[in-house]
Amino acid sequence: MNPKIDKLARDIEKTEKKIADLQKKLELFKEEKTRLENEDYGDIGRDFHMTPKELAEFLKAHRAGTLTVPEAAPPALPCLSPLTLPRAAILRRPPLPRP
């Protein structure tokens, strides 16, 4: 056979092997990504104290576009901390008792 054809045949074989190896590697990456995403969803469910069934229902509703979001609660009364008090109130000190 022509040496050029032999070389091309070897290159094709080598390239096909590389492609097959990379496809296996890609599948492993996809499986790992899916596993990590599933763990994240589980963590989110635990953070919101949801059972696996509640989480599944929530995700199905979200996917279907039927998820309803409750109205926001009214804002809480402001906290009287040094961060929220006016500067003048922080600078005033009560008088010291006289001996």
C-alpha atoms as a PDB file:
ATOM      1  CA  MET A   1       0.000   0.000   0.000  1.00  0.00           C
ATOM      2  CA  ASN A   2       0.934   3.611  -0.376  1.00  0.00           C
ATOM      3  CA  PRO A   3       2.844   4.838   2.720  1.00  0.00           C
ATOM      4  CA  LYS A   4       0.770   8.019   2.776  1.00  0.00           C
ATOM      5  CA  ILE A   5      -2.436   5.980   2.976  1.00  0.00           C
ATOM      6  CA  ASP A   6      -0.961   3.844   5.792  1.00  0.00           C
ATOM      7  CA  LYS A   7       0.012   6.974   7.731  1.00  0.00           C
ATOM      8  CA  LEU A   8      -3.450   8.493   7.263  1.00  0.00           C
ATOM      9  CA  ALA A   9      -5.095   5.232   8.366  1.00  0.00           C
ATOM     10  CA  ARG A  10      -2.951   5.216  11.550  1.00  0.00           C
ATOM     11  CA  ASP A  11      -3.780   8.889  12.187  1.00  0.00           C
ATOM     12  CA  ILE A  12      -7.484   8.182  11.732  1.00  0.00           C
ATOM     13  CA  GLU A  13      -7.313   5.251  14.139  1.00  0.00           C
ATOM     14  CA  LYS A  14      -5.395   7.315  16.698  1.00  0.00           C
ATOM     15  CA  THR A  15      -7.849  10.218  16.379  1.00  0.00           C
ATOM     16  CA  GLU A  16     -10.861   7.913  16.736  1.00  0.00           C
ATOM     17  CA  LYS A  17      -9.326   6.477  19.924  1.00  0.00           C
ATOM     18  CA  LYS A  18      -8.758   9.985  21.308  1.00  0.00           C
ATOM     19  CA  ILE A  19     -12.342  10.943  20.477  1.00  0.00           C
ATOM     20  CA  ALA A  20     -13.662   7.828  22.226  1.00  0.00           C
ATOM     21  CA  ASP A  21     -11.527   8.585  25.305  1.00  0.00           C
ATOM     22  CA  LEU A  22     -12.713  12.193  25.372  1.00  0.00           C
ATOM     23  CA  GLN A  23     -16.349  11.107  25.039  1.00  0.00           C
ATOM     24  CA  LYS A  24     -15.910   8.834  28.073  1.00  0.00           C
ATOM     25  CA  LYS A  25     -14.319  11.716  29.963  1.00  0.00           C
ATOM     26  CA  LEU A  26     -17.186  14.020  28.930  1.00  0.00           C
ATOM     27  CA  GLU A  27     -19.745  11.515  30.232  1.00  0.00           C
ATOM     28  CA  LEU A  28     -17.930  11.361  33.579  1.00  0.00           C
ATOM     29  CA  PHE A  29     -17.938  15.170  33.799  1.00  0.00           C
ATOM     30  CA  LYS A  30     -21.665  15.284  33.017  1.00  0.00           C
ATOM     31  CA  GLU A  31     -22.412  12.648  35.665  1.00  0.00           C
ATOM     32  CA  GLU A  32     -20.352  14.550  38.251  1.00  0.00           C
ATOM     33  CA  LYS A  33     -22.137  17.815  37.358  1.00  0.00           C
ATOM     34  CA  THR A  34     -25.540  16.148  37.743  1.00  0.00           C
ATOM     35  CA  ARG A  35     -24.517  14.650  41.074  1.00  0.00           C
ATOM     36  CA  LEU A  36     -23.347  18.038  42.384  1.00  0.00           C
ATOM     37  CA  GLU A  37     -26.518  19.764  41.164  1.00  0.00           C
ATOM     38  CA  ASN A  38     -28.629  17.141  42.922  1.00  0.00           C
ATOM     39  CA  GLU A  39     -26.665  17.680  46.122  1.00  0.00           C
ATOM     40  CA  ASP A  40     -27.242  21.429  45.818  1.00  0.00           C
ATOM     41  CA  TYR A  41     -30.996  20.915  45.461  1.00  0.00           C
ATOM     42  CA  GLY A  42     -30.922  18.647  48.506  1.00  0.00           C
ATOM     43  CA  ASP A  43     -29.011  21.280  50.476  1.00  0.00           C
ATOM     44  CA  ILE A  44     -31.529  23.941  49.459  1.00  0.00           C
ATOM     45  CA  GLY A  45     -34.387  21.709  50.565  1.00  0.00           C
ATOM     46  CA  ARG A  46     -32.715  21.101  53.931  1.00  0.00           C
ATOM     47  CA  ASP A  47     -32.037  24.823  54.365  1.00  0.00           C
ATOM     48  CA  PHE A  48     -35.749  25.510  53.957  1.00  0.00           C
ATOM     49  CA  HIS A  49     -36.712  22.484  56.102  1.00  0.00           C
ATOM     50  CA  MET A  50     -38.492  20.788  53.201  1.00  0.00           C
ATOM     51  CA  THR A  51     -39.076  17.075  52.947  1.00  0.00           C
ATOM     52  CA  PRO A  52     -37.874  15.407  49.741  1.00  0.00           C
ATOM     53  CA  LYS A  53     -41.521  15.180  48.626  1.00  0.00           C
ATOM     54  CA  GLU A  54     -42.106  18.913  49.255  1.00  0.00           C
ATOM     55  CA  LEU A  55     -38.910  19.771  47.400  1.00  0.00           C
ATOM     56  CA  ALA A  56     -39.943  17.617  44.436  1.00  0.00           C
ATOM     57  CA  GLU A  57     -43.375  19.285  44.340  1.00  0.00           C
ATOM     58  CA  PHE A  58     -41.759  22.722  44.547  1.00  0.00           C
ATOM     59  CA  LEU A  59     -39.382  21.955  41.679  1.00  0.00           C
ATOM     60  CA  LYS A  60     -42.194  20.491  39.537  1.00  0.00           C
ATOM     61  CA  ALA A  61     -44.311  23.608  40.111  1.00  0.00           C
ATOM     62  CA  HIS A  62     -41.352  25.824  39.278  1.00  0.00           C
ATOM     63  CA  ARG A  63     -40.641  23.894  36.091  1.00  0.00           C
ATOM     64  CA  ALA A  64     -44.315  24.005  35.064  1.00  0.00           C
ATOM     65  CA  GLY A  65     -44.554  27.731  35.784  1.00  0.00           C
ATOM     66  CA  THR A  66     -47.339  27.268  38.336  1.00  0.00           C
ATOM     67  CA  LEU A  67     -45.267  28.293  41.339  1.00  0.00           C
ATOM     68  CA  THR A  68     -46.971  31.008  43.379  1.00  0.00           C
ATOM     69  CA  VAL A  69     -44.938  33.313  45.563  1.00  0.00           C
ATOM     70  CA  PRO A  70     -46.600  34.658  48.718  1.00  0.00           C
ATOM     71  CA  GLU A  71     -46.844  38.400  49.133  1.00  0.00           C
ATOM     72  CA  ALA A  72     -44.042  40.006  51.095  1.00  0.00           C
ATOM     73  CA  ALA A  73     -44.647  40.620  54.781  1.00  0.00           C
ATOM     74  CA  PRO A  74     -44.905  44.259  55.851  1.00  0.00           C
ATOM     75  CA  PRO A  75     -41.603  45.715  56.983  1.00  0.00           C
ATOM     76  CA  ALA A  76     -40.794  45.281  60.648  1.00  0.00           C
ATOM     77  CA  LEU A  77     -40.597  48.252  62.961  1.00  0.00           C
ATOM     78  CA  PRO A  78     -37.143  49.805  62.944  1.00  0.00           C
ATOM     79  CA  CYS A  79     -34.779  48.518  65.548  1.00  0.00           C
ATOM     80  CA  LEU A  80     -33.427  51.075  68.010  1.00  0.00           C
ATOM     81  CA  SER A  81     -29.787  50.216  67.716  1.00  0.00           C
ATOM     82  CA  PRO A  82     -26.840  52.612  67.443  1.00  0.00           C
ATOM     83  CA  LEU A  83     -26.900  51.909  63.714  1.00  0.00           C
ATOM     84  CA  THR A  84     -30.468  53.195  63.291  1.00  0.00           C
ATOM     85  CA  LEU A  85     -30.586  56.003  65.880  1.00  0.00           C
ATOM     86  CA  PRO A  86     -29.979  59.577  64.793  1.00  0.00           C
ATOM     87  CA  ARG A  87     -26.458  60.800  65.495  1.00  0.00           C
ATOM     88  CA  ALA A  88     -27.684  63.375  68.041  1.00  0.00           C
ATOM     89  CA  ALA A  89     -29.346  60.647  70.122  1.00  0.00           C
ATOM     90  CA  ILE A  90     -26.122  58.658  70.230  1.00  0.00           C
ATOM     91  CA  LEU A  91     -23.996  61.629  71.282  1.00  0.00           C
ATOM     92  CA  ARG A  92     -26.268  62.648  74.200  1.00  0.00           C
ATOM     93  CA  ARG A  93     -25.228  61.051  77.441  1.00  0.00           C
ATOM     94  CA  PRO A  94     -27.312  60.846  80.582  1.00  0.00           C
ATOM     95  CA  PRO A  95     -26.058  63.073  83.416  1.00  0.00           C
ATOM     96  CA  LEU A  96     -23.756  61.417  85.914  1.00  0.00           C
ATOM     97  CA  PRO A  97     -25.085  61.050  89.464  1.00  0.00           C
ATOM     98  CA  ARG A  98     -23.590  63.501  91.953  1.00  0.00           C
ATOM     99  CA  PRO A  99     -22.019  62.160  95.115  1.00  0.00           C
END
